[in-house]
């Protein structure tokens, strides 16, 4: 850090729901790794003593009544004022000791996000099906958006202030990590990944994830974001399918008309006409929505550029 430049303000933000068995250990780990950071625990209607243990560990405790991790992250990003944000879960599965390296990578590279890509040799660290599901969703994101991260579902991330304050969060639940990844990819932000250790939960702590329900919600989020951010391709593909179907139905009618000069199956002809109209409506809807999307993207980019990069604010 150059002479005369003050140290960046670092905030550790931890969304929590029923984590009394792990929150004290999590706060202590980040307090040791980042002694100068302010540590915030945002409780999301816990039924146990999460709040008491977090306060006892020295964290600043706040609450968000709208249930869901996305709602909590939205509130944290809105309320907390810092130069660098370190986000992790309150279940003590992420390696707090890796935080200084993640922060240093962000500052040294003038990056907007560094993802702590999970590496674990402990099978119990993952719920059944989560490894495969993560790989499938990561590959799908790469196919849809051209590039991706190796671990899009990691909850261990470091952000710049301009990332946090330019991010209009729409998600309500665990699909928030996917939305964060897409936001970075769409605005072509400078980002990086660093492998970090990922461990099993402490005894008495249980996961709130549902393999199939949350996997479906994440998949649905990717498809919705693809529809919103890539409308020409999304609606163009729908229009192409409708047009191909119309042409396949039309081939027998065209052949019959060429031989007899008659159109014997009028309902099929009407169906072909309707499919063709819908195909072209889909094409033009994609073009119109692409103009809207470009405008929205430009507004987000301007909000992002209005804030200085890490280490220069």
C-alpha atoms as a PDB file:
ATOM      1  CA  UNK A   1       0.000   0.000   0.000  1.00  0.00           C
ATOM      2  CA  UNK A   2       1.444   3.355  -0.998  1.00  0.00           C
ATOM      3  CA  UNK A   3       2.426   5.960   1.587  1.00  0.00           C
ATOM      4  CA  UNK A   4      -0.408   8.235   2.599  1.00  0.00           C
ATOM      5  CA  UNK A   5      -3.120   5.882   1.508  1.00  0.00           C
ATOM      6  CA  UNK A   6      -5.325   4.667   4.335  1.00  0.00           C
ATOM      7  CA  UNK A   7      -6.029   0.987   4.795  1.00  0.00           C
ATOM      8  CA  UNK A   8      -9.264  -0.167   3.156  1.00  0.00           C
ATOM      9  CA  UNK A   9     -12.243  -0.725   5.414  1.00  0.00           C
ATOM     10  CA  UNK A  10     -13.037  -4.435   5.421  1.00  0.00           C
ATOM     11  CA  UNK A  11     -16.391  -5.862   6.442  1.00  0.00           C
ATOM     12  CA  UNK A  12     -17.011  -9.555   6.992  1.00  0.00           C
ATOM     13  CA  UNK A  13     -20.686 -10.278   6.341  1.00  0.00           C
ATOM     14  CA  UNK A  14     -22.194 -13.564   7.521  1.00  0.00           C
ATOM     15  CA  UNK A  15     -25.812 -14.555   6.753  1.00  0.00           C
ATOM     16  CA  UNK A  16     -27.088 -16.973   9.405  1.00  0.00           C
ATOM     17  CA  UNK A  17     -30.061 -19.173  10.131  1.00  0.00           C
ATOM     18  CA  UNK A  18     -29.970 -21.525  13.122  1.00  0.00           C
ATOM     19  CA  UNK A  19     -26.168 -21.686  13.388  1.00  0.00           C
ATOM     20  CA  UNK A  20     -25.629 -21.635  17.161  1.00  0.00           C
ATOM     21  CA  UNK A  21     -23.278 -24.627  16.897  1.00  0.00           C
ATOM     22  CA  UNK A  22     -20.933 -22.884  14.470  1.00  0.00           C
ATOM     23  CA  UNK A  23     -21.344 -19.108  14.523  1.00  0.00           C
ATOM     24  CA  UNK A  24     -18.989 -18.493  17.454  1.00  0.00           C
ATOM     25  CA  UNK A  25     -16.226 -20.483  15.774  1.00  0.00           C
ATOM     26  CA  UNK A  26     -16.854 -18.692  12.471  1.00  0.00           C
ATOM     27  CA  UNK A  27     -16.667 -15.204  13.993  1.00  0.00           C
ATOM     28  CA  UNK A  28     -13.534 -16.109  15.971  1.00  0.00           C
ATOM     29  CA  UNK A  29     -11.873 -17.441  12.814  1.00  0.00           C
ATOM     30  CA  UNK A  30     -12.449 -14.259  10.840  1.00  0.00           C
ATOM     31  CA  UNK A  31     -11.532 -12.086  13.822  1.00  0.00           C
ATOM     32  CA  UNK A  32      -8.166 -13.857  13.960  1.00  0.00           C
ATOM     33  CA  UNK A  33      -7.609 -13.753  10.180  1.00  0.00           C
ATOM     34  CA  UNK A  34      -8.716 -10.130   9.684  1.00  0.00           C
ATOM     35  CA  UNK A  35      -8.133  -8.326  13.013  1.00  0.00           C
ATOM     36  CA  UNK A  36      -9.107  -4.897  11.671  1.00  0.00           C
ATOM     37  CA  UNK A  37     -12.328  -5.977   9.970  1.00  0.00           C
ATOM     38  CA  UNK A  38     -15.846  -5.274  11.202  1.00  0.00           C
ATOM     39  CA  UNK A  39     -17.740  -8.552  11.452  1.00  0.00           C
ATOM     40  CA  UNK A  40     -21.481  -8.499  10.829  1.00  0.00           C
ATOM     41  CA  UNK A  41     -23.829 -11.382  11.498  1.00  0.00           C
ATOM     42  CA  UNK A  42     -27.239 -11.047   9.862  1.00  0.00           C
ATOM     43  CA  UNK A  43     -29.722 -13.348  11.534  1.00  0.00           C
ATOM     44  CA  UNK A  44     -32.581 -14.657   9.401  1.00  0.00           C
ATOM     45  CA  UNK A  45     -35.277 -15.627  11.960  1.00  0.00           C
ATOM     46  CA  UNK A  46     -33.188 -18.187  13.818  1.00  0.00           C
ATOM     47  CA  UNK A  47     -35.060 -20.306  16.346  1.00  0.00           C
ATOM     48  CA  UNK A  48     -31.958 -21.133  18.391  1.00  0.00           C
ATOM     49  CA  UNK A  49     -29.335 -18.998  20.187  1.00  0.00           C
ATOM     50  CA  UNK A  50     -27.436 -17.880  17.083  1.00  0.00           C
ATOM     51  CA  UNK A  51     -27.839 -14.207  18.013  1.00  0.00           C
ATOM     52  CA  UNK A  52     -26.551 -14.729  21.579  1.00  0.00           C
ATOM     53  CA  UNK A  53     -23.487 -16.672  20.470  1.00  0.00           C
ATOM     54  CA  UNK A  54     -22.697 -14.176  17.706  1.00  0.00           C
ATOM     55  CA  UNK A  55     -22.829 -11.246  20.142  1.00  0.00           C
ATOM     56  CA  UNK A  56     -20.730 -13.153  22.662  1.00  0.00           C
ATOM     57  CA  UNK A  57     -18.096 -13.690  19.952  1.00  0.00           C
ATOM     58  CA  UNK A  58     -17.951  -9.936  19.329  1.00  0.00           C
ATOM     59  CA  UNK A  59     -19.896  -9.650  16.088  1.00  0.00           C
ATOM     60  CA  UNK A  60     -22.222  -6.803  15.139  1.00  0.00           C
ATOM     61  CA  UNK A  61     -25.595  -8.521  14.988  1.00  0.00           C
ATOM     62  CA  UNK A  62     -28.461  -7.388  12.784  1.00  0.00           C
ATOM     63  CA  UNK A  63     -31.570  -9.124  11.517  1.00  0.00           C
ATOM     64  CA  UNK A  64     -33.539  -9.631   8.306  1.00  0.00           C
ATOM     65  CA  UNK A  65     -37.119 -10.910   8.704  1.00  0.00           C
ATOM     66  CA  UNK A  66     -37.723 -11.848   5.060  1.00  0.00           C
ATOM     67  CA  UNK A  67     -36.746 -15.513   4.910  1.00  0.00           C
ATOM     68  CA  UNK A  68     -34.123 -16.610   2.395  1.00  0.00           C
ATOM     69  CA  UNK A  69     -30.407 -16.115   1.818  1.00  0.00           C
ATOM     70  CA  UNK A  70     -30.984 -13.803  -1.159  1.00  0.00           C
ATOM     71  CA  UNK A  71     -33.074 -11.500   1.013  1.00  0.00           C
ATOM     72  CA  UNK A  72     -30.346 -11.449   3.661  1.00  0.00           C
ATOM     73  CA  UNK A  73     -27.572 -10.697   1.156  1.00  0.00           C
ATOM     74  CA  UNK A  74     -29.671  -7.872  -0.325  1.00  0.00           C
ATOM     75  CA  UNK A  75     -30.019  -6.346   3.126  1.00  0.00           C
ATOM     76  CA  UNK A  76     -26.318  -6.763   3.937  1.00  0.00           C
ATOM     77  CA  UNK A  77     -25.215  -5.144   0.668  1.00  0.00           C
ATOM     78  CA  UNK A  78     -27.597  -2.240   1.266  1.00  0.00           C
ATOM     79  CA  UNK A  79     -26.769  -1.601   4.929  1.00  0.00           C
ATOM     80  CA  UNK A  80     -23.060  -2.254   5.352  1.00  0.00           C
ATOM     81  CA  UNK A  81     -20.632   0.444   4.240  1.00  0.00           C
ATOM     82  CA  UNK A  82     -17.069  -0.702   3.518  1.00  0.00           C
ATOM     83  CA  UNK A  83     -14.390  -0.722   0.832  1.00  0.00           C
ATOM     84  CA  UNK A  84     -14.036  -4.515   0.734  1.00  0.00           C
ATOM     85  CA  UNK A  85     -16.652  -7.105   1.647  1.00  0.00           C
ATOM     86  CA  UNK A  86     -15.834 -10.665   2.682  1.00  0.00           C
ATOM     87  CA  UNK A  87     -18.922 -12.868   2.508  1.00  0.00           C
ATOM     88  CA  UNK A  88     -19.079 -16.376   3.930  1.00  0.00           C
ATOM     89  CA  UNK A  89     -21.595 -18.655   5.603  1.00  0.00           C
ATOM     90  CA  UNK A  90     -21.892 -18.862   9.359  1.00  0.00           C
ATOM     91  CA  UNK A  91     -21.485 -22.651   9.477  1.00  0.00           C
ATOM     92  CA  UNK A  92     -17.663 -22.777   9.897  1.00  0.00           C
ATOM     93  CA  UNK A  93     -17.212 -24.765   6.669  1.00  0.00           C
ATOM     94  CA  UNK A  94     -15.150 -22.098   4.894  1.00  0.00           C
ATOM     95  CA  UNK A  95     -11.502 -21.507   5.762  1.00  0.00           C
ATOM     96  CA  UNK A  96     -11.364 -18.111   7.483  1.00  0.00           C
ATOM     97  CA  UNK A  97      -7.561 -18.272   7.326  1.00  0.00           C
ATOM     98  CA  UNK A  98      -7.729 -17.868   3.542  1.00  0.00           C
ATOM     99  CA  UNK A  99      -9.451 -14.466   3.808  1.00  0.00           C
ATOM    100  CA  UNK A 100      -6.239 -12.352   3.816  1.00  0.00           C
ATOM    101  CA  UNK A 101      -5.086 -14.033   0.585  1.00  0.00           C
ATOM    102  CA  UNK A 102      -8.477 -13.424  -1.052  1.00  0.00           C
ATOM    103  CA  UNK A 103      -8.456  -9.763   0.002  1.00  0.00           C
ATOM    104  CA  UNK A 104      -4.844  -9.299  -1.166  1.00  0.00           C
ATOM    105  CA  UNK A 105      -5.696 -10.817  -4.556  1.00  0.00           C
ATOM    106  CA  UNK A 106      -8.611  -8.398  -4.911  1.00  0.00           C
ATOM    107  CA  UNK A 107      -6.514  -5.342  -4.064  1.00  0.00           C
ATOM    108  CA  UNK A 108      -3.356  -6.293  -5.956  1.00  0.00           C
ATOM    109  CA  UNK A 109      -5.282  -7.116  -9.117  1.00  0.00           C
ATOM    110  CA  UNK A 110      -7.776  -4.230  -8.840  1.00  0.00           C
ATOM    111  CA  UNK A 111     -10.485  -6.881  -9.087  1.00  0.00           C
ATOM    112  CA  UNK A 112     -14.164  -6.669  -8.246  1.00  0.00           C
ATOM    113  CA  UNK A 113     -14.695 -10.214  -7.007  1.00  0.00           C
ATOM    114  CA  UNK A 114     -12.570 -13.128  -5.851  1.00  0.00           C
ATOM    115  CA  UNK A 115     -14.312 -16.473  -5.425  1.00  0.00           C
ATOM    116  CA  UNK A 116     -13.121 -18.964  -2.845  1.00  0.00           C
ATOM    117  CA  UNK A 117     -13.496 -22.106  -4.961  1.00  0.00           C
ATOM    118  CA  UNK A 118     -14.138 -24.991  -2.587  1.00  0.00           C
ATOM    119  CA  UNK A 119     -11.675 -27.860  -2.295  1.00  0.00           C
ATOM    120  CA  UNK A 120     -12.422 -30.668   0.121  1.00  0.00           C
ATOM    121  CA  UNK A 121     -11.281 -34.225   0.672  1.00  0.00           C
ATOM    122  CA  UNK A 122     -14.027 -34.719   3.246  1.00  0.00           C
ATOM    123  CA  UNK A 123     -17.040 -36.357   1.629  1.00  0.00           C
ATOM    124  CA  UNK A 124     -19.327 -35.242   4.464  1.00  0.00           C
ATOM    125  CA  UNK A 125     -18.629 -31.607   3.580  1.00  0.00           C
ATOM    126  CA  UNK A 126     -21.079 -31.955   0.662  1.00  0.00           C
ATOM    127  CA  UNK A 127     -24.657 -33.167   0.714  1.00  0.00           C
ATOM    128  CA  UNK A 128     -25.557 -36.045  -1.587  1.00  0.00           C
ATOM    129  CA  UNK A 129     -25.602 -34.984  -5.220  1.00  0.00           C
ATOM    130  CA  UNK A 130     -24.142 -31.519  -4.625  1.00  0.00           C
ATOM    131  CA  UNK A 131     -20.800 -32.156  -6.351  1.00  0.00           C
ATOM    132  CA  UNK A 132     -22.504 -33.442  -9.509  1.00  0.00           C
ATOM    133  CA  UNK A 133     -25.149 -30.713  -9.398  1.00  0.00           C
ATOM    134  CA  UNK A 134     -22.519 -27.999  -9.031  1.00  0.00           C
ATOM    135  CA  UNK A 135     -20.547 -29.329 -12.019  1.00  0.00           C
ATOM    136  CA  UNK A 136     -23.699 -29.527 -14.154  1.00  0.00           C
ATOM    137  CA  UNK A 137     -24.843 -26.006 -13.289  1.00  0.00           C
ATOM    138  CA  UNK A 138     -21.347 -24.597 -13.748  1.00  0.00           C
ATOM    139  CA  UNK A 139     -21.123 -26.180 -17.211  1.00  0.00           C
ATOM    140  CA  UNK A 140     -24.583 -24.917 -18.126  1.00  0.00           C
ATOM    141  CA  UNK A 141     -23.643 -21.367 -17.136  1.00  0.00           C
ATOM    142  CA  UNK A 142     -20.530 -21.600 -19.303  1.00  0.00           C
ATOM    143  CA  UNK A 143     -22.617 -22.774 -22.268  1.00  0.00           C
ATOM    144  CA  UNK A 144     -25.208 -20.035 -21.832  1.00  0.00           C
ATOM    145  CA  UNK A 145     -22.894 -17.104 -21.094  1.00  0.00           C
ATOM    146  CA  UNK A 146     -19.652 -18.108 -22.804  1.00  0.00           C
ATOM    147  CA  UNK A 147     -17.539 -18.313 -19.641  1.00  0.00           C
ATOM    148  CA  UNK A 148     -17.985 -19.304 -16.040  1.00  0.00           C
ATOM    149  CA  UNK A 149     -16.329 -20.037 -12.719  1.00  0.00           C
ATOM    150  CA  UNK A 150     -15.199 -23.445 -11.525  1.00  0.00           C
ATOM    151  CA  UNK A 151     -17.504 -23.181  -8.485  1.00  0.00           C
ATOM    152  CA  UNK A 152     -20.497 -20.920  -9.106  1.00  0.00           C
ATOM    153  CA  UNK A 153     -22.226 -22.039  -5.894  1.00  0.00           C
ATOM    154  CA  UNK A 154     -19.463 -21.074  -3.501  1.00  0.00           C
ATOM    155  CA  UNK A 155     -20.680 -18.793  -0.726  1.00  0.00           C
ATOM    156  CA  UNK A 156     -17.134 -17.622   0.071  1.00  0.00           C
ATOM    157  CA  UNK A 157     -16.477 -14.434  -1.905  1.00  0.00           C
ATOM    158  CA  UNK A 158     -14.678 -11.132  -1.587  1.00  0.00           C
ATOM    159  CA  UNK A 159     -16.205  -8.084  -3.297  1.00  0.00           C
ATOM    160  CA  UNK A 160     -15.206  -4.555  -4.073  1.00  0.00           C
ATOM    161  CA  UNK A 161     -17.460  -1.713  -3.001  1.00  0.00           C
ATOM    162  CA  UNK A 162     -18.384  -0.962  -6.610  1.00  0.00           C
ATOM    163  CA  UNK A 163     -19.556  -4.540  -7.137  1.00  0.00           C
ATOM    164  CA  UNK A 164     -21.763  -4.483  -4.054  1.00  0.00           C
ATOM    165  CA  UNK A 165     -23.299  -1.073  -4.648  1.00  0.00           C
ATOM    166  CA  UNK A 166     -24.035  -1.682  -8.342  1.00  0.00           C
ATOM    167  CA  UNK A 167     -25.699  -5.078  -7.884  1.00  0.00           C
ATOM    168  CA  UNK A 168     -29.543  -5.051  -7.977  1.00  0.00           C
ATOM    169  CA  UNK A 169     -30.253  -8.345  -6.205  1.00  0.00           C
ATOM    170  CA  UNK A 170     -33.474 -10.048  -7.279  1.00  0.00           C
ATOM    171  CA  UNK A 171     -33.037 -13.522  -5.782  1.00  0.00           C
ATOM    172  CA  UNK A 172     -34.705 -14.543  -2.544  1.00  0.00           C
ATOM    173  CA  UNK A 173     -33.006 -17.846  -1.704  1.00  0.00           C
ATOM    174  CA  UNK A 174     -29.885 -19.925  -2.258  1.00  0.00           C
ATOM    175  CA  UNK A 175     -29.834 -19.079  -5.973  1.00  0.00           C
ATOM    176  CA  UNK A 176     -28.160 -15.792  -4.973  1.00  0.00           C
ATOM    177  CA  UNK A 177     -24.665 -17.202  -5.732  1.00  0.00           C
ATOM    178  CA  UNK A 178     -25.733 -17.901  -9.322  1.00  0.00           C
ATOM    179  CA  UNK A 179     -27.096 -14.369  -9.715  1.00  0.00           C
ATOM    180  CA  UNK A 180     -23.845 -12.925  -8.332  1.00  0.00           C
ATOM    181  CA  UNK A 181     -21.823 -14.934 -10.859  1.00  0.00           C
ATOM    182  CA  UNK A 182     -24.015 -13.851 -13.776  1.00  0.00           C
ATOM    183  CA  UNK A 183     -23.809 -10.183 -12.705  1.00  0.00           C
ATOM    184  CA  UNK A 184     -20.005 -10.351 -12.833  1.00  0.00           C
ATOM    185  CA  UNK A 185     -19.997 -12.144 -16.184  1.00  0.00           C
ATOM    186  CA  UNK A 186     -22.537  -9.824 -17.802  1.00  0.00           C
ATOM    187  CA  UNK A 187     -20.695  -6.636 -16.837  1.00  0.00           C
ATOM    188  CA  UNK A 188     -17.360  -8.265 -17.747  1.00  0.00           C
ATOM    189  CA  UNK A 189     -15.908  -7.386 -14.376  1.00  0.00           C
ATOM    190  CA  UNK A 190     -12.319  -8.332 -13.527  1.00  0.00           C
ATOM    191  CA  UNK A 191     -12.623 -11.390 -11.280  1.00  0.00           C
ATOM    192  CA  UNK A 192     -10.508 -14.286 -10.045  1.00  0.00           C
ATOM    193  CA  UNK A 193     -10.760 -17.575  -8.185  1.00  0.00           C
ATOM    194  CA  UNK A 194      -8.569 -19.021  -5.448  1.00  0.00           C
ATOM    195  CA  UNK A 195      -8.964 -22.559  -4.167  1.00  0.00           C
ATOM    196  CA  UNK A 196      -9.802 -22.696  -0.465  1.00  0.00           C
ATOM    197  CA  UNK A 197     -10.342 -25.533   1.963  1.00  0.00           C
ATOM    198  CA  UNK A 198     -13.921 -26.578   2.611  1.00  0.00           C
ATOM    199  CA  UNK A 199     -14.755 -28.643   5.655  1.00  0.00           C
ATOM    200  CA  UNK A 200     -17.636 -30.503   7.222  1.00  0.00           C
ATOM    201  CA  UNK A 201     -20.018 -28.701   9.557  1.00  0.00           C
ATOM    202  CA  UNK A 202     -19.310 -28.851  13.292  1.00  0.00           C
ATOM    203  CA  UNK A 203     -21.274 -31.395  15.294  1.00  0.00           C
ATOM    204  CA  UNK A 204     -24.791 -30.120  15.963  1.00  0.00           C
ATOM    205  CA  UNK A 205     -24.918 -27.958  12.846  1.00  0.00           C
ATOM    206  CA  UNK A 206     -27.215 -29.022   9.994  1.00  0.00           C
ATOM    207  CA  UNK A 207     -27.445 -27.865   6.379  1.00  0.00           C
ATOM    208  CA  UNK A 208     -30.486 -25.854   5.285  1.00  0.00           C
ATOM    209  CA  UNK A 209     -30.073 -26.871   1.629  1.00  0.00           C
ATOM    210  CA  UNK A 210     -32.414 -29.193  -0.226  1.00  0.00           C
ATOM    211  CA  UNK A 211     -30.589 -30.985  -3.037  1.00  0.00           C
ATOM    212  CA  UNK A 212     -33.494 -31.135  -5.453  1.00  0.00           C
ATOM    213  CA  UNK A 213     -35.591 -28.099  -4.483  1.00  0.00           C
ATOM    214  CA  UNK A 214     -32.658 -25.681  -4.363  1.00  0.00           C
ATOM    215  CA  UNK A 215     -31.062 -27.286  -7.428  1.00  0.00           C
ATOM    216  CA  UNK A 216     -34.274 -26.666  -9.364  1.00  0.00           C
ATOM    217  CA  UNK A 217     -34.419 -23.069  -8.137  1.00  0.00           C
ATOM    218  CA  UNK A 218     -30.821 -22.466  -9.256  1.00  0.00           C
ATOM    219  CA  UNK A 219     -31.511 -24.045 -12.659  1.00  0.00           C
ATOM    220  CA  UNK A 220     -34.635 -21.915 -13.003  1.00  0.00           C
ATOM    221  CA  UNK A 221     -32.594 -18.821 -12.089  1.00  0.00           C
ATOM    222  CA  UNK A 222     -30.031 -19.570 -14.813  1.00  0.00           C
ATOM    223  CA  UNK A 223     -32.772 -19.981 -17.434  1.00  0.00           C
ATOM    224  CA  UNK A 224     -34.545 -16.800 -16.319  1.00  0.00           C
ATOM    225  CA  UNK A 225     -31.312 -14.832 -16.379  1.00  0.00           C
ATOM    226  CA  UNK A 226     -30.581 -16.240 -19.836  1.00  0.00           C
ATOM    227  CA  UNK A 227     -34.032 -15.068 -20.963  1.00  0.00           C
ATOM    228  CA  UNK A 228     -33.429 -11.611 -19.490  1.00  0.00           C
ATOM    229  CA  UNK A 229     -29.789 -11.153 -20.516  1.00  0.00           C
ATOM    230  CA  UNK A 230     -29.817 -13.009 -23.875  1.00  0.00           C
ATOM    231  CA  UNK A 231     -33.311 -12.332 -25.271  1.00  0.00           C
ATOM    232  CA  UNK A 232     -32.290 -12.583 -28.952  1.00  0.00           C
ATOM    233  CA  UNK A 233     -30.931 -16.096 -28.480  1.00  0.00           C
ATOM    234  CA  UNK A 234     -33.679 -17.194 -26.077  1.00  0.00           C
ATOM    235  CA  UNK A 235     -36.657 -16.024 -28.129  1.00  0.00           C
ATOM    236  CA  UNK A 236     -34.813 -16.646 -31.398  1.00  0.00           C
ATOM    237  CA  UNK A 237     -34.426 -20.323 -30.523  1.00  0.00           C
ATOM    238  CA  UNK A 238     -38.118 -20.563 -29.634  1.00  0.00           C
ATOM    239  CA  UNK A 239     -39.020 -18.900 -32.947  1.00  0.00           C
ATOM    240  CA  UNK A 240     -36.699 -21.251 -34.835  1.00  0.00           C
ATOM    241  CA  UNK A 241     -38.344 -24.325 -33.287  1.00  0.00           C
ATOM    242  CA  UNK A 242     -41.817 -23.020 -34.182  1.00  0.00           C
ATOM    243  CA  UNK A 243     -40.724 -22.201 -37.722  1.00  0.00           C
ATOM    244  CA  UNK A 244     -39.170 -25.640 -38.267  1.00  0.00           C
ATOM    245  CA  UNK A 245     -42.344 -27.291 -36.947  1.00  0.00           C
ATOM    246  CA  UNK A 246     -44.451 -25.181 -39.330  1.00  0.00           C
ATOM    247  CA  UNK A 247     -42.237 -26.136 -42.289  1.00  0.00           C
ATOM    248  CA  UNK A 248     -42.422 -29.846 -41.440  1.00  0.00           C
ATOM    249  CA  UNK A 249     -46.222 -29.667 -41.333  1.00  0.00           C
ATOM    250  CA  UNK A 250     -46.283 -27.640 -44.552  1.00  0.00           C
ATOM    251  CA  UNK A 251     -44.243 -30.042 -46.714  1.00  0.00           C
ATOM    252  CA  UNK A 252     -47.116 -32.569 -47.281  1.00  0.00           C
ATOM    253  CA  UNK A 253     -49.580 -29.749 -47.956  1.00  0.00           C
ATOM    254  CA  UNK A 254     -47.248 -28.111 -50.475  1.00  0.00           C
ATOM    255  CA  UNK A 255     -46.747 -31.442 -52.249  1.00  0.00           C
ATOM    256  CA  UNK A 256     -50.510 -32.042 -52.423  1.00  0.00           C
ATOM    257  CA  UNK A 257     -51.175 -28.519 -53.673  1.00  0.00           C
ATOM    258  CA  UNK A 258     -48.496 -28.911 -56.369  1.00  0.00           C
ATOM    259  CA  UNK A 259     -50.220 -32.033 -57.725  1.00  0.00           C
ATOM    260  CA  UNK A 260     -53.900 -31.165 -57.313  1.00  0.00           C
ATOM    261  CA  UNK A 261     -54.076 -27.418 -56.784  1.00  0.00           C
ATOM    262  CA  UNK A 262     -56.138 -28.078 -53.640  1.00  0.00           C
ATOM    263  CA  UNK A 263     -55.546 -27.700 -49.899  1.00  0.00           C
ATOM    264  CA  UNK A 264     -57.531 -30.621 -48.451  1.00  0.00           C
ATOM    265  CA  UNK A 265     -56.483 -30.226 -44.778  1.00  0.00           C
ATOM    266  CA  UNK A 266     -57.510 -26.692 -43.916  1.00  0.00           C
ATOM    267  CA  UNK A 267     -57.094 -27.063 -40.109  1.00  0.00           C
ATOM    268  CA  UNK A 268     -53.440 -28.027 -40.672  1.00  0.00           C
ATOM    269  CA  UNK A 269     -53.009 -25.021 -42.966  1.00  0.00           C
ATOM    270  CA  UNK A 270     -54.450 -22.762 -40.256  1.00  0.00           C
ATOM    271  CA  UNK A 271     -52.103 -24.339 -37.685  1.00  0.00           C
ATOM    272  CA  UNK A 272     -49.099 -23.743 -39.971  1.00  0.00           C
ATOM    273  CA  UNK A 273     -50.118 -20.103 -40.411  1.00  0.00           C
ATOM    274  CA  UNK A 274     -50.456 -19.646 -36.646  1.00  0.00           C
ATOM    275  CA  UNK A 275     -47.069 -21.285 -35.935  1.00  0.00           C
ATOM    276  CA  UNK A 276     -45.381 -19.070 -38.533  1.00  0.00           C
ATOM    277  CA  UNK A 277     -46.917 -15.926 -37.053  1.00  0.00           C
ATOM    278  CA  UNK A 278     -45.822 -16.985 -33.546  1.00  0.00           C
ATOM    279  CA  UNK A 279     -42.304 -17.718 -34.822  1.00  0.00           C
ATOM    280  CA  UNK A 280     -41.899 -14.230 -36.254  1.00  0.00           C
ATOM    281  CA  UNK A 281     -43.463 -12.653 -33.156  1.00  0.00           C
ATOM    282  CA  UNK A 282     -40.882 -14.504 -31.074  1.00  0.00           C
ATOM    283  CA  UNK A 283     -38.029 -13.285 -33.320  1.00  0.00           C
ATOM    284  CA  UNK A 284     -39.145  -9.652 -33.082  1.00  0.00           C
ATOM    285  CA  UNK A 285     -39.818  -9.923 -29.322  1.00  0.00           C
ATOM    286  CA  UNK A 286     -36.194 -10.974 -28.863  1.00  0.00           C
ATOM    287  CA  UNK A 287     -34.960  -8.000 -30.888  1.00  0.00           C
ATOM    288  CA  UNK A 288     -37.106  -5.524 -28.946  1.00  0.00           C
ATOM    289  CA  UNK A 289     -36.170  -6.971 -25.562  1.00  0.00           C
ATOM    290  CA  UNK A 290     -32.484  -6.932 -26.532  1.00  0.00           C
ATOM    291  CA  UNK A 291     -32.715  -3.144 -26.838  1.00  0.00           C
ATOM    292  CA  UNK A 292     -34.243  -2.954 -23.362  1.00  0.00           C
ATOM    293  CA  UNK A 293     -31.593  -5.291 -21.958  1.00  0.00           C
ATOM    294  CA  UNK A 294     -28.772  -3.213 -23.428  1.00  0.00           C
ATOM    295  CA  UNK A 295     -30.223  -0.120 -21.777  1.00  0.00           C
ATOM    296  CA  UNK A 296     -30.448  -1.864 -18.404  1.00  0.00           C
ATOM    297  CA  UNK A 297     -26.909  -3.181 -18.765  1.00  0.00           C
ATOM    298  CA  UNK A 298     -25.610   0.303 -19.581  1.00  0.00           C
ATOM    299  CA  UNK A 299     -27.320   1.708 -16.472  1.00  0.00           C
ATOM    300  CA  UNK A 300     -25.732  -0.979 -14.289  1.00  0.00           C
ATOM    301  CA  UNK A 301     -22.378  -0.331 -15.906  1.00  0.00           C
ATOM    302  CA  UNK A 302     -22.659   3.408 -15.234  1.00  0.00           C
ATOM    303  CA  UNK A 303     -23.559   2.726 -11.586  1.00  0.00           C
ATOM    304  CA  UNK A 304     -20.534   0.439 -11.392  1.00  0.00           C
ATOM    305  CA  UNK A 305     -18.180   3.004 -12.975  1.00  0.00           C
ATOM    306  CA  UNK A 306     -19.379   5.751 -10.609  1.00  0.00           C
ATOM    307  CA  UNK A 307     -17.416   4.088  -7.774  1.00  0.00           C
ATOM    308  CA  UNK A 308     -13.611   3.788  -7.530  1.00  0.00           C
ATOM    309  CA  UNK A 309     -11.814   0.419  -7.755  1.00  0.00           C
ATOM    310  CA  UNK A 310     -10.470  -1.281  -4.605  1.00  0.00           C
ATOM    311  CA  UNK A 311      -7.583   0.512  -2.947  1.00  0.00           C
ATOM    312  CA  UNK A 312      -8.235   3.811  -4.742  1.00  0.00           C
ATOM    313  CA  UNK A 313     -11.347   5.068  -2.989  1.00  0.00           C
END
